PDB file of N, CA and C in Angstrom:
ATOM      1  N   MET A   1     -30.551  81.825 -89.352  1.00  0.00           N
ATOM      2  CA  MET A   1     -30.558  80.626 -88.496  1.00  0.00           C
ATOM      3  C   MET A   1     -29.764  79.687 -88.993  1.00  0.00           C
ATOM      4  N   THR A   2     -28.617  79.392 -89.580  1.00  0.00           N
ATOM      5  CA  THR A   2     -28.163  78.356 -90.391  1.00  0.00           C
ATOM      6  C   THR A   2     -27.547  77.062 -89.698  1.00  0.00           C
ATOM      7  N   ASP A   3     -27.583  77.279 -88.398  1.00  0.00           N
ATOM      8  CA  ASP A   3     -26.820  75.880 -87.587  1.00  0.00           C
ATOM      9  C   ASP A   3     -27.917  75.218 -87.440  1.00  0.00           C
ATOM     10  N   TYR A   4     -29.903  74.908 -87.946  1.00  0.00           N
ATOM     11  CA  TYR A   4     -29.968  74.337 -87.941  1.00  0.00           C
ATOM     12  C   TYR A   4     -30.856  74.293 -88.932  1.00  0.00           C
ATOM     13  N   ALA A   5     -30.758  72.929 -89.206  1.00  0.00           N
ATOM     14  CA  ALA A   5     -31.618  72.398 -90.824  1.00  0.00           C
ATOM     15  C   ALA A   5     -33.584  72.548 -90.444  1.00  0.00           C
ATOM     16  N   ILE A   6     -34.372  73.011 -90.533  1.00  0.00           N
ATOM     17  CA  ILE A   6     -35.767  72.418 -90.503  1.00  0.00           C
ATOM     18  C   ILE A   6     -36.576  72.380 -91.541  1.00  0.00           C
ATOM     19  N   VAL A   7     -37.261  71.383 -91.671  1.00  0.00           N
ATOM     20  CA  VAL A   7     -37.462  70.513 -92.696  1.00  0.00           C
ATOM     21  C   VAL A   7     -39.354  70.388 -92.519  1.00  0.00           C
ATOM     22  N   VAL A   8     -40.051  70.652 -93.263  1.00  0.00           N
ATOM     23  CA  VAL A   8     -41.533  70.025 -92.904  1.00  0.00           C
ATOM     24  C   VAL A   8     -42.201  69.990 -94.076  1.00  0.00           C
ATOM     25  N   ALA A   9     -42.736  68.604 -93.962  1.00  0.00           N
ATOM     26  CA  ALA A   9     -43.432  67.813 -95.057  1.00  0.00           C
ATOM     27  C   ALA A   9     -45.316  67.749 -94.351  1.00  0.00           C
ATOM     28  N   ASP A  10     -46.130  67.531 -95.728  1.00  0.00           N
ATOM     29  CA  ASP A  10     -47.204  67.067 -95.205  1.00  0.00           C
ATOM     30  C   ASP A  10     -47.153  65.698 -94.759  1.00  0.00           C
ATOM     31  N   VAL A  11     -49.210  65.277 -94.742  1.00  0.00           N
ATOM     32  CA  VAL A  11     -48.900  63.628 -94.678  1.00  0.00           C
ATOM     33  C   VAL A  11     -48.624  62.747 -96.242  1.00  0.00           C
ATOM     34  N   SER A  12     -48.436  63.721 -96.944  1.00  0.00           N
ATOM     35  CA  SER A  12     -48.074  63.100 -98.125  1.00  0.00           C
ATOM     36  C   SER A  12     -46.673  62.638 -98.314  1.00  0.00           C
ATOM     37  N   GLY A  13     -45.705  63.730 -97.534  1.00  0.00           N
ATOM     38  CA  GLY A  13     -44.567  63.554 -97.332  1.00  0.00           C
ATOM     39  C   GLY A  13     -43.497  64.378 -98.430  1.00  0.00           C
ATOM     40  N   ILE A  14     -44.571  65.635 -99.289  1.00  0.00           N
ATOM     41  CA  ILE A  14     -44.297  66.263 -99.889  1.00  0.00           C
ATOM     42  C   ILE A  14     -43.729  67.417 -98.437  1.00  0.00           C
ATOM     43  N   ILE A  15     -42.077  68.388 -99.180  1.00  0.00           N
ATOM     44  CA  ILE A  15     -41.949  69.235 -98.495  1.00  0.00           C
ATOM     45  C   ILE A  15     -42.921  70.626 -98.856  1.00  0.00           C
ATOM     46  N   THR A  16     -42.748  71.493 -97.129  1.00  0.00           N
ATOM     47  CA  THR A  16     -43.942  72.487 -97.529  1.00  0.00           C
ATOM     48  C   THR A  16     -43.311  73.160 -96.942  1.00  0.00           C
ATOM     49  N   TRP A  17     -41.673  73.275 -96.405  1.00  0.00           N
ATOM     50  CA  TRP A  17     -41.054  74.049 -95.691  1.00  0.00           C
ATOM     51  C   TRP A  17     -39.873  73.932 -95.857  1.00  0.00           C
ATOM     52  N   TRP A  18     -39.004  75.069 -95.788  1.00  0.00           N
ATOM     53  CA  TRP A  18     -37.718  74.354 -95.958  1.00  0.00           C
ATOM     54  C   TRP A  18     -37.005  75.792 -95.670  1.00  0.00           C
ATOM     55  N   ASN A  19     -36.231  75.731 -94.400  1.00  0.00           N
ATOM     56  CA  ASN A  19     -35.539  77.275 -94.012  1.00  0.00           C
ATOM     57  C   ASN A  19     -33.652  77.080 -94.744  1.00  0.00           C
ATOM     58  N   ARG A  20     -33.204  78.374 -93.950  1.00  0.00           N
ATOM     59  CA  ARG A  20     -31.932  78.526 -94.395  1.00  0.00           C
ATOM     60  C   ARG A  20     -30.760  77.946 -94.215  1.00  0.00           C
ATOM     61  N   GLY A  21     -31.067  77.327 -92.963  1.00  0.00           N
ATOM     62  CA  GLY A  21     -30.538  76.397 -92.595  1.00  0.00           C
ATOM     63  C   GLY A  21     -30.483  74.615 -93.473  1.00  0.00           C
ATOM     64  N   ALA A  22     -31.290  74.450 -93.719  1.00  0.00           N
ATOM     65  CA  ALA A  22     -31.799  73.379 -94.459  1.00  0.00           C
ATOM     66  C   ALA A  22     -30.786  73.478 -95.881  1.00  0.00           C
ATOM     67  N   GLU A  23     -31.011  74.701 -96.526  1.00  0.00           N
ATOM     68  CA  GLU A  23     -30.188  75.268 -97.583  1.00  0.00           C
ATOM     69  C   GLU A  23     -28.854  74.697 -97.619  1.00  0.00           C
ATOM     70  N   VAL A  24     -28.188  75.749 -95.988  1.00  0.00           N
ATOM     71  CA  VAL A  24     -26.983  75.339 -96.339  1.00  0.00           C
ATOM     72  C   VAL A  24     -26.408  73.869 -96.010  1.00  0.00           C
ATOM     73  N   LEU A  25     -27.058  73.100 -94.829  1.00  0.00           N
ATOM     74  CA  LEU A  25     -26.322  71.717 -94.162  1.00  0.00           C
ATOM     75  C   LEU A  25     -26.946  70.815 -95.529  1.00  0.00           C
ATOM     76  N   PHE A  26     -27.810  71.247 -96.335  1.00  0.00           N
ATOM     77  CA  PHE A  26     -28.226  69.601 -96.979  1.00  0.00           C
ATOM     78  C   PHE A  26     -27.675  70.366 -98.766  1.00  0.00           C
ATOM     79  N   GLY A  27     -27.231  71.511 -98.574  1.00  0.00           N
ATOM     80  CA  GLY A  27     -26.712  71.544-100.343  1.00  0.00           C
ATOM     81  C   GLY A  27     -27.900  71.952-101.392  1.00  0.00           C
ATOM     82  N   ARG A  28     -29.434  72.199-101.084  1.00  0.00           N
ATOM     83  CA  ARG A  28     -30.306  72.236-101.611  1.00  0.00           C
ATOM     84  C   ARG A  28     -31.112  73.981-101.504  1.00  0.00           C
ATOM     85  N   SER A  29     -31.098  74.296-102.314  1.00  0.00           N
ATOM     86  CA  SER A  29     -31.894  75.681-102.394  1.00  0.00           C
ATOM     87  C   SER A  29     -33.916  75.326-102.053  1.00  0.00           C
ATOM     88  N   ALA A  30     -34.458  76.057-101.397  1.00  0.00           N
ATOM     89  CA  ALA A  30     -36.174  75.937-100.734  1.00  0.00           C
ATOM     90  C   ALA A  30     -36.040  76.191-102.252  1.00  0.00           C
ATOM     91  N   ALA A  31     -35.912  76.655-104.079  1.00  0.00           N
ATOM     92  CA  ALA A  31     -36.589  76.323-104.468  1.00  0.00           C
ATOM     93  C   ALA A  31     -36.764  75.386-105.100  1.00  0.00           C
ATOM     94  N   VAL A  32     -35.943  74.469-105.244  1.00  0.00           N
ATOM     95  CA  VAL A  32     -35.936  73.366-105.723  1.00  0.00           C
ATOM     96  C   VAL A  32     -36.117  72.477-104.579  1.00  0.00           C
ATOM     97  N   ALA A  33     -36.466  72.028-103.001  1.00  0.00           N
ATOM     98  CA  ALA A  33     -37.168  71.567-102.426  1.00  0.00           C
ATOM     99  C   ALA A  33     -38.467  71.424-102.483  1.00  0.00           C
ATOM    100  N   LEU A  34     -38.522  72.324-102.036  1.00  0.00           N
ATOM    101  CA  LEU A  34     -40.151  72.270-102.158  1.00  0.00           C
ATOM    102  C   LEU A  34     -40.802  71.795-103.388  1.00  0.00           C
ATOM    103  N   GLY A  35     -42.298  71.463-102.312  1.00  0.00           N
ATOM    104  CA  GLY A  35     -42.797  70.217-103.547  1.00  0.00           C
ATOM    105  C   GLY A  35     -42.289  69.660-103.822  1.00  0.00           C
ATOM    106  N   GLN A  36     -41.064  68.902-103.296  1.00  0.00           N
ATOM    107  CA  GLN A  36     -40.812  67.542-103.885  1.00  0.00           C
ATOM    108  C   GLN A  36     -40.718  66.058-102.713  1.00  0.00           C
ATOM    109  N   SER A  37     -40.762  65.837-102.692  1.00  0.00           N
ATOM    110  CA  SER A  37     -41.063  64.338-102.214  1.00  0.00           C
ATOM    111  C   SER A  37     -39.496  64.713-101.333  1.00  0.00           C
ATOM    112  N   LEU A  38     -39.831  63.524 -99.700  1.00  0.00           N
ATOM    113  CA  LEU A  38     -38.975  63.356 -98.864  1.00  0.00           C
ATOM    114  C   LEU A  38     -37.634  62.614 -99.777  1.00  0.00           C
ATOM    115  N   GLU A  39     -38.100  61.785-100.590  1.00  0.00           N
ATOM    116  CA  GLU A  39     -37.108  60.833-100.907  1.00  0.00           C
ATOM    117  C   GLU A  39     -36.242  61.813-101.643  1.00  0.00           C
ATOM    118  N   LEU A  40     -36.034  63.230-101.722  1.00  0.00           N
ATOM    119  CA  LEU A  40     -34.794  64.058-101.977  1.00  0.00           C
ATOM    120  C   LEU A  40     -33.738  64.276-100.515  1.00  0.00           C
ATOM    121  N   ILE A  41     -33.818  63.638 -99.760  1.00  0.00           N
ATOM    122  CA  ILE A  41     -32.997  64.195 -98.508  1.00  0.00           C
ATOM    123  C   ILE A  41     -33.099  62.720 -97.884  1.00  0.00           C
ATOM    124  N   VAL A  42     -33.910  61.331 -98.885  1.00  0.00           N
ATOM    125  CA  VAL A  42     -33.270  60.027 -97.526  1.00  0.00           C
ATOM    126  C   VAL A  42     -32.964  59.585 -98.071  1.00  0.00           C
ATOM    127  N   PRO A  43     -31.872  58.864 -98.296  1.00  0.00           N
ATOM    128  CA  PRO A  43     -30.997  58.073 -98.743  1.00  0.00           C
ATOM    129  C   PRO A  43     -31.883  56.783 -99.349  1.00  0.00           C
ATOM    130  N   ALA A  44     -31.177  56.407-100.563  1.00  0.00           N
ATOM    131  CA  ALA A  44     -32.092  55.184-101.467  1.00  0.00           C
ATOM    132  C   ALA A  44     -32.250  54.257-100.664  1.00  0.00           C
ATOM    133  N   GLU A  45     -30.968  53.593 -99.651  1.00  0.00           N
ATOM    134  CA  GLU A  45     -31.054  52.040 -98.894  1.00  0.00           C
ATOM    135  C   GLU A  45     -31.811  52.503 -97.981  1.00  0.00           C
ATOM    136  N   LEU A  46     -32.537  53.373 -97.354  1.00  0.00           N
ATOM    137  CA  LEU A  46     -32.843  53.436 -96.120  1.00  0.00           C
ATOM    138  C   LEU A  46     -34.731  53.997 -96.024  1.00  0.00           C
ATOM    139  N   ARG A  47     -34.750  54.305 -97.618  1.00  0.00           N
ATOM    140  CA  ARG A  47     -36.387  54.934 -98.048  1.00  0.00           C
ATOM    141  C   ARG A  47     -37.655  53.972 -98.002  1.00  0.00           C
ATOM    142  N   ALA A  48     -37.428  52.508 -98.059  1.00  0.00           N
ATOM    143  CA  ALA A  48     -38.523  51.556 -97.870  1.00  0.00           C
ATOM    144  C   ALA A  48     -38.786  52.002 -96.304  1.00  0.00           C
ATOM    145  N   ARG A  49     -37.785  51.735 -95.517  1.00  0.00           N
ATOM    146  CA  ARG A  49     -37.767  51.892 -94.218  1.00  0.00           C
ATOM    147  C   ARG A  49     -38.468  53.015 -93.569  1.00  0.00           C
ATOM    148  N   HIS A  50     -38.003  54.155 -94.582  1.00  0.00           N
ATOM    149  CA  HIS A  50     -38.747  55.551 -94.103  1.00  0.00           C
ATOM    150  C   HIS A  50     -40.036  56.221 -94.674  1.00  0.00           C
ATOM    151  N   TRP A  51     -40.446  55.617 -95.978  1.00  0.00           N
ATOM    152  CA  TRP A  51     -41.797  55.309 -95.796  1.00  0.00           C
ATOM    153  C   TRP A  51     -42.799  53.983 -94.915  1.00  0.00           C
ATOM    154  N   ALA A  52     -42.298  53.435 -94.456  1.00  0.00           N
ATOM    155  CA  ALA A  52     -43.087  52.674 -93.538  1.00  0.00           C
ATOM    156  C   ALA A  52     -43.226  53.227 -92.031  1.00  0.00           C
ATOM    157  N   GLY A  53     -42.242  53.897 -91.549  1.00  0.00           N
ATOM    158  CA  GLY A  53     -42.193  54.498 -90.539  1.00  0.00           C
ATOM    159  C   GLY A  53     -42.965  55.776 -90.874  1.00  0.00           C
ATOM    160  N   PHE A  54     -42.657  56.488 -92.135  1.00  0.00           N
ATOM    161  CA  PHE A  54     -43.785  57.605 -91.820  1.00  0.00           C
ATOM    162  C   PHE A  54     -44.957  57.621 -92.830  1.00  0.00           C
ATOM    163  N   ARG A  55     -45.320  56.345 -93.054  1.00  0.00           N
ATOM    164  CA  ARG A  55     -46.915  56.112 -92.746  1.00  0.00           C
ATOM    165  C   ARG A  55     -47.477  55.368 -91.999  1.00  0.00           C
ATOM    166  N   ARG A  56     -46.748  54.949 -90.947  1.00  0.00           N
ATOM    167  CA  ARG A  56     -47.205  54.612 -89.421  1.00  0.00           C
ATOM    168  C   ARG A  56     -47.399  56.101 -89.081  1.00  0.00           C
ATOM    169  N   ALA A  57     -46.566  56.763 -88.745  1.00  0.00           N
ATOM    170  CA  ALA A  57     -46.480  58.144 -87.964  1.00  0.00           C
ATOM    171  C   ALA A  57     -47.802  58.724 -88.698  1.00  0.00           C
ATOM    172  N   MET A  58     -48.416  58.755 -89.864  1.00  0.00           N
ATOM    173  CA  MET A  58     -49.263  59.738 -90.164  1.00  0.00           C
ATOM    174  C   MET A  58     -50.961  59.004 -90.057  1.00  0.00           C
ATOM    175  N   GLU A  59     -50.829  57.683 -90.010  1.00  0.00           N
ATOM    176  CA  GLU A  59     -52.030  56.680 -89.713  1.00  0.00           C
ATOM    177  C   GLU A  59     -51.804  57.198 -88.528  1.00  0.00           C
ATOM    178  N   ALA A  60     -51.690  56.939 -87.107  1.00  0.00           N
ATOM    179  CA  ALA A  60     -51.814  56.315 -85.771  1.00  0.00           C
ATOM    180  C   ALA A  60     -50.563  57.404 -85.275  1.00  0.00           C
ATOM    181  N   PRO A  61     -50.546  58.821 -85.385  1.00  0.00           N
ATOM    182  CA  PRO A  61     -49.053  59.386 -84.085  1.00  0.00           C
ATOM    183  C   PRO A  61     -49.145  59.299 -83.099  1.00  0.00           C
ATOM    184  N   VAL A  62     -48.899  57.925 -82.479  1.00  0.00           N
ATOM    185  CA  VAL A  62     -48.287  57.639 -81.282  1.00  0.00           C
ATOM    186  C   VAL A  62     -46.698  58.209 -81.013  1.00  0.00           C
ATOM    187  N   VAL A  63     -45.601  57.842 -82.095  1.00  0.00           N
ATOM    188  CA  VAL A  63     -44.445  58.543 -81.523  1.00  0.00           C
ATOM    189  C   VAL A  63     -44.898  59.648 -82.064  1.00  0.00           C
ATOM    190  N   LYS A  64     -44.660  60.656 -81.289  1.00  0.00           N
ATOM    191  CA  LYS A  64     -44.247  62.448 -81.562  1.00  0.00           C
ATOM    192  C   LYS A  64     -43.340  62.908 -81.718  1.00  0.00           C
ATOM    193  N   ASP A  65     -42.502  62.239 -81.183  1.00  0.00           N
ATOM    194  CA  ASP A  65     -41.109  63.324 -81.378  1.00  0.00           C
ATOM    195  C   ASP A  65     -39.763  61.493 -80.977  1.00  0.00           C
ATOM    196  N   LEU A  66     -38.632  61.979 -82.154  1.00  0.00           N
ATOM    197  CA  LEU A  66     -37.640  61.333 -82.010  1.00  0.00           C
ATOM    198  C   LEU A  66     -36.316  62.212 -82.417  1.00  0.00           C
ATOM    199  N   ALA A  67     -35.384  61.676 -81.365  1.00  0.00           N
ATOM    200  CA  ALA A  67     -34.156  62.446 -81.332  1.00  0.00           C
ATOM    201  C   ALA A  67     -33.089  61.069 -82.169  1.00  0.00           C
ATOM    202  N   ALA A  68     -32.088  61.140 -82.614  1.00  0.00           N
ATOM    203  CA  ALA A  68     -31.140  60.214 -83.324  1.00  0.00           C
ATOM    204  C   ALA A  68     -30.635  61.071 -84.484  1.00  0.00           C
ATOM    205  N   ASP A  69     -29.493  60.235 -84.447  1.00  0.00           N
ATOM    206  CA  ASP A  69     -28.534  60.668 -85.355  1.00  0.00           C
ATOM    207  C   ASP A  69     -29.343  60.219 -86.552  1.00  0.00           C
ATOM    208  N   ILE A  70     -29.734  61.379 -87.711  1.00  0.00           N
ATOM    209  CA  ILE A  70     -29.962  60.948 -89.144  1.00  0.00           C
ATOM    210  C   ILE A  70     -29.170  61.250 -90.371  1.00  0.00           C
ATOM    211  N   PRO A  71     -29.349  60.321 -91.163  1.00  0.00           N
ATOM    212  CA  PRO A  71     -28.467  60.338 -92.229  1.00  0.00           C
ATOM    213  C   PRO A  71     -28.930  60.659 -93.569  1.00  0.00           C
ATOM    214  N   VAL A  72     -28.425  62.200 -94.188  1.00  0.00           N
ATOM    215  CA  VAL A  72     -29.675  62.657 -95.257  1.00  0.00           C
ATOM    216  C   VAL A  72     -28.602  62.569 -96.151  1.00  0.00           C
ATOM    217  N   LEU A  73     -29.138  62.606 -97.287  1.00  0.00           N
ATOM    218  CA  LEU A  73     -28.633  62.470 -98.558  1.00  0.00           C
ATOM    219  C   LEU A  73     -28.626  63.973 -99.219  1.00  0.00           C
ATOM    220  N   CYS A  74     -27.730  64.748 -99.283  1.00  0.00           N
ATOM    221  CA  CYS A  74     -26.747  65.929 -99.281  1.00  0.00           C
ATOM    222  C   CYS A  74     -27.070  66.356-101.029  1.00  0.00           C
ATOM    223  N   GLY A  75     -27.291  67.565-101.645  1.00  0.00           N
ATOM    224  CA  GLY A  75     -27.513  68.000-102.602  1.00  0.00           C
ATOM    225  C   GLY A  75     -26.387  67.928-103.569  1.00  0.00           C
ATOM    226  N   ASP A  76     -24.934  67.219-102.936  1.00  0.00           N
ATOM    227  CA  ASP A  76     -23.891  67.111-103.538  1.00  0.00           C
ATOM    228  C   ASP A  76     -23.440  65.238-103.814  1.00  0.00           C
ATOM    229  N   GLY A  77     -24.492  64.767-103.241  1.00  0.00           N
ATOM    230  CA  GLY A  77     -24.458  63.168-103.366  1.00  0.00           C
ATOM    231  C   GLY A  77     -24.137  62.242-102.210  1.00  0.00           C
ATOM    232  N   GLN A  78     -23.422  63.095-101.175  1.00  0.00           N
ATOM    233  CA  GLN A  78     -22.869  62.356-100.470  1.00  0.00           C
ATOM    234  C   GLN A  78     -24.247  62.476 -99.478  1.00  0.00           C
ATOM    235  N   VAL A  79     -24.064  60.796 -98.326  1.00  0.00           N
ATOM    236  CA  VAL A  79     -25.063  60.824 -97.207  1.00  0.00           C
ATOM    237  C   VAL A  79     -23.751  61.555 -95.935  1.00  0.00           C
ATOM    238  N   ARG A  80     -24.635  62.770 -95.482  1.00  0.00           N
ATOM    239  CA  ARG A  80     -23.925  63.066 -94.236  1.00  0.00           C
ATOM    240  C   ARG A  80     -25.364  62.592 -93.264  1.00  0.00           C
ATOM    241  N   GLU A  81     -24.512  62.331 -91.984  1.00  0.00           N
ATOM    242  CA  GLU A  81     -25.073  62.348 -90.861  1.00  0.00           C
ATOM    243  C   GLU A  81     -25.259  63.592 -89.954  1.00  0.00           C
ATOM    244  N   PHE A  82     -26.775  64.158 -89.549  1.00  0.00           N
ATOM    245  CA  PHE A  82     -26.876  64.993 -88.654  1.00  0.00           C
ATOM    246  C   PHE A  82     -27.671  64.799 -87.383  1.00  0.00           C
ATOM    247  N   ALA A  83     -27.308  65.751 -86.087  1.00  0.00           N
ATOM    248  CA  ALA A  83     -28.454  65.192 -84.928  1.00  0.00           C
ATOM    249  C   ALA A  83     -29.333  65.422 -85.943  1.00  0.00           C
ATOM    250  N   GLY A  84     -30.437  65.024 -85.207  1.00  0.00           N
ATOM    251  CA  GLY A  84     -31.691  65.546 -85.237  1.00  0.00           C
ATOM    252  C   GLY A  84     -33.293  65.117 -84.717  1.00  0.00           C
ATOM    253  N   ARG A  85     -34.130  65.631 -85.032  1.00  0.00           N
ATOM    254  CA  ARG A  85     -35.713  65.558 -83.949  1.00  0.00           C
ATOM    255  C   ARG A  85     -36.213  65.175 -85.370  1.00  0.00           C
ATOM    256  N   LEU A  86     -37.283  64.242 -85.215  1.00  0.00           N
ATOM    257  CA  LEU A  86     -38.545  64.083 -85.958  1.00  0.00           C
ATOM    258  C   LEU A  86     -39.792  64.413 -84.857  1.00  0.00           C
ATOM    259  N   LEU A  87     -40.716  65.004 -85.667  1.00  0.00           N
ATOM    260  CA  LEU A  87     -41.600  65.105 -84.911  1.00  0.00           C
ATOM    261  C   LEU A  87     -42.781  64.997 -86.176  1.00  0.00           C
ATOM    262  N   VAL A  88     -43.946  64.320 -84.963  1.00  0.00           N
ATOM    263  CA  VAL A  88     -45.142  64.194 -86.199  1.00  0.00           C
ATOM    264  C   VAL A  88     -46.274  65.674 -85.345  1.00  0.00           C
ATOM    265  N   LEU A  89     -46.521  66.545 -86.646  1.00  0.00           N
ATOM    266  CA  LEU A  89     -47.453  67.316 -86.012  1.00  0.00           C
ATOM    267  C   LEU A  89     -48.912  67.034 -86.213  1.00  0.00           C
ATOM    268  N   SER A  90     -49.862  67.114 -85.156  1.00  0.00           N
ATOM    269  CA  SER A  90     -51.153  66.704 -85.075  1.00  0.00           C
ATOM    270  C   SER A  90     -52.018  67.993 -84.613  1.00  0.00           C
ATOM    271  N   ASP A  91     -53.045  67.555 -84.837  1.00  0.00           N
ATOM    272  CA  ASP A  91     -54.511  68.814 -84.726  1.00  0.00           C
ATOM    273  C   ASP A  91     -54.339  68.883 -83.293  1.00  0.00           C
ATOM    274  N   GLY A  92     -55.301  69.401 -83.012  1.00  0.00           N
ATOM    275  CA  GLY A  92     -55.973  68.735 -80.952  1.00  0.00           C
ATOM    276  C   GLY A  92     -56.550  68.190 -81.270  1.00  0.00           C
ATOM    277  N   LEU A  93     -56.921  67.122 -82.059  1.00  0.00           N
ATOM    278  CA  LEU A  93     -57.859  65.442 -81.673  1.00  0.00           C
ATOM    279  C   LEU A  93     -56.869  64.419 -82.988  1.00  0.00           C
ATOM    280  N   GLY A  94     -55.900  65.008 -82.507  1.00  0.00           N
ATOM    281  CA  GLY A  94     -54.407  63.995 -82.702  1.00  0.00           C
ATOM    282  C   GLY A  94     -54.524  63.732 -83.946  1.00  0.00           C
ATOM    283  N   VAL A  95     -54.922  63.692 -84.861  1.00  0.00           N
ATOM    284  CA  VAL A  95     -55.128  63.737 -86.384  1.00  0.00           C
ATOM    285  C   VAL A  95     -53.539  64.098 -87.114  1.00  0.00           C
ATOM    286  N   ALA A  96     -52.736  63.415 -87.308  1.00  0.00           N
ATOM    287  CA  ALA A  96     -51.404  64.039 -87.624  1.00  0.00           C
ATOM    288  C   ALA A  96     -51.854  65.426 -89.663  1.00  0.00           C
ATOM    289  N   LEU A  97     -50.802  65.996 -88.923  1.00  0.00           N
ATOM    290  CA  LEU A  97     -51.384  67.014 -90.641  1.00  0.00           C
ATOM    291  C   LEU A  97     -50.205  66.987 -91.193  1.00  0.00           C
ATOM    292  N   GLY A  98     -49.102  66.364 -90.712  1.00  0.00           N
ATOM    293  CA  GLY A  98     -47.550  66.176 -91.412  1.00  0.00           C
ATOM    294  C   GLY A  98     -46.174  65.807 -90.456  1.00  0.00           C
ATOM    295  N   ALA A  99     -45.153  66.157 -90.241  1.00  0.00           N
ATOM    296  CA  ALA A  99     -43.902  66.177 -89.887  1.00  0.00           C
ATOM    297  C   ALA A  99     -42.961  67.092 -90.384  1.00  0.00           C
ATOM    298  N   MET A 100     -42.316  67.036 -89.156  1.00  0.00           N
ATOM    299  CA  MET A 100     -41.013  67.968 -89.425  1.00  0.00           C
ATOM    300  C   MET A 100     -39.738  67.505 -88.503  1.00  0.00           C
ATOM    301  N   GLY A 101     -38.489  68.040 -89.287  1.00  0.00           N
ATOM    302  CA  GLY A 101     -37.419  67.347 -88.977  1.00  0.00           C
ATOM    303  C   GLY A 101     -36.610  69.056 -88.910  1.00  0.00           C
ATOM    304  N   ILE A 102     -35.917  68.911 -87.265  1.00  0.00           N
ATOM    305  CA  ILE A 102     -35.099  69.701 -87.035  1.00  0.00           C
ATOM    306  C   ILE A 102     -33.785  68.858 -86.910  1.00  0.00           C
ATOM    307  N   PHE A 103     -32.816  69.519 -87.881  1.00  0.00           N
ATOM    308  CA  PHE A 103     -31.007  68.993 -87.362  1.00  0.00           C
ATOM    309  C   PHE A 103     -30.141  69.941 -87.551  1.00  0.00           C
ATOM    310  N   ALA A 104     -29.371  69.477 -86.242  1.00  0.00           N
ATOM    311  CA  ALA A 104     -28.208  70.590 -86.495  1.00  0.00           C
ATOM    312  C   ALA A 104     -26.791  70.402 -86.851  1.00  0.00           C
ATOM    313  N   ALA A 105     -26.312  70.959 -87.117  1.00  0.00           N
ATOM    314  CA  ALA A 105     -25.294  71.123 -88.126  1.00  0.00           C
ATOM    315  C   ALA A 105     -23.879  70.672 -87.338  1.00  0.00           C
ATOM    316  N   ASP A 106     -24.132  70.444 -85.889  1.00  0.00           N
ATOM    317  CA  ASP A 106     -23.004  69.989 -85.176  1.00  0.00           C
ATOM    318  C   ASP A 106     -23.713  68.819 -83.706  1.00  0.00           C
ATOM    319  N   GLY A 107     -22.632  68.202 -83.608  1.00  0.00           N
ATOM    320  CA  GLY A 107     -23.067  67.491 -82.814  1.00  0.00           C
ATOM    321  C   GLY A 107     -23.844  65.906 -82.356  1.00  0.00           C
ATOM    322  N   THR A 108     -23.835  65.252 -82.281  1.00  0.00           N
ATOM    323  CA  THR A 108     -24.749  63.970 -81.918  1.00  0.00           C
ATOM    324  C   THR A 108     -25.852  63.689 -81.074  1.00  0.00           C
ATOM    325  N   THR A 109     -26.663  62.916 -81.163  1.00  0.00           N
ATOM    326  CA  THR A 109     -27.562  62.368 -80.122  1.00  0.00           C
ATOM    327  C   THR A 109     -27.091  61.272 -79.434  1.00  0.00           C
ATOM    328  N   GLY A 110     -25.860  60.792 -80.307  1.00  0.00           N
ATOM    329  CA  GLY A 110     -24.847  59.542 -79.339  1.00  0.00           C
ATOM    330  C   GLY A 110     -26.469  58.019 -80.137  1.00  0.00           C
ATOM    331  N   ILE A 111     -27.432  58.440 -80.749  1.00  0.00           N
ATOM    332  CA  ILE A 111     -28.140  57.302 -81.179  1.00  0.00           C
ATOM    333  C   ILE A 111     -28.347  56.779 -82.433  1.00  0.00           C
ATOM    334  N   LYS A 112     -28.211  56.052 -82.577  1.00  0.00           N
ATOM    335  CA  LYS A 112     -27.906  55.735 -84.493  1.00  0.00           C
ATOM    336  C   LYS A 112     -28.868  54.558 -84.915  1.00  0.00           C
ATOM    337  N   PRO A 113     -29.977  54.881 -85.117  1.00  0.00           N
ATOM    338  CA  PRO A 113     -30.707  53.790 -85.269  1.00  0.00           C
ATOM    339  C   PRO A 113     -30.841  53.288 -86.490  1.00  0.00           C
ATOM    340  N   PHE A 114     -29.804  54.168 -87.510  1.00  0.00           N
ATOM    341  CA  PHE A 114     -29.693  53.067 -88.987  1.00  0.00           C
ATOM    342  C   PHE A 114     -28.328  52.752 -89.022  1.00  0.00           C
ATOM    343  N   GLY A 115     -27.555  52.950 -88.175  1.00  0.00           N
ATOM    344  CA  GLY A 115     -25.803  52.513 -88.651  1.00  0.00           C
ATOM    345  C   GLY A 115     -25.695  51.588 -87.529  1.00  0.00           C
TER     346      GLY A 115
END
């Protein structure tokens, strides 16, 4: 299923899951991505905003689902935009366990929070 890139990170922003779709869409192997910080795929100019939002989401996972066109730093150094859905993963008590991003190979959400 390479039409969708699925990336999961723990509460520290360390990548714990990287599917074949992420390898294809983002141009990096799972062997390279696993154990790395999400900064691997967050464009440098968006990192401060990314981490501020990520920390807020992990501390108080109120916004649990966001669909938007999300810029991704790919393995070739290019930033490409993918229709994505960001979700905070939490337990039954609402404590954050991490985050998941699901990105489509094609299409747009029409929402461009970074553009």
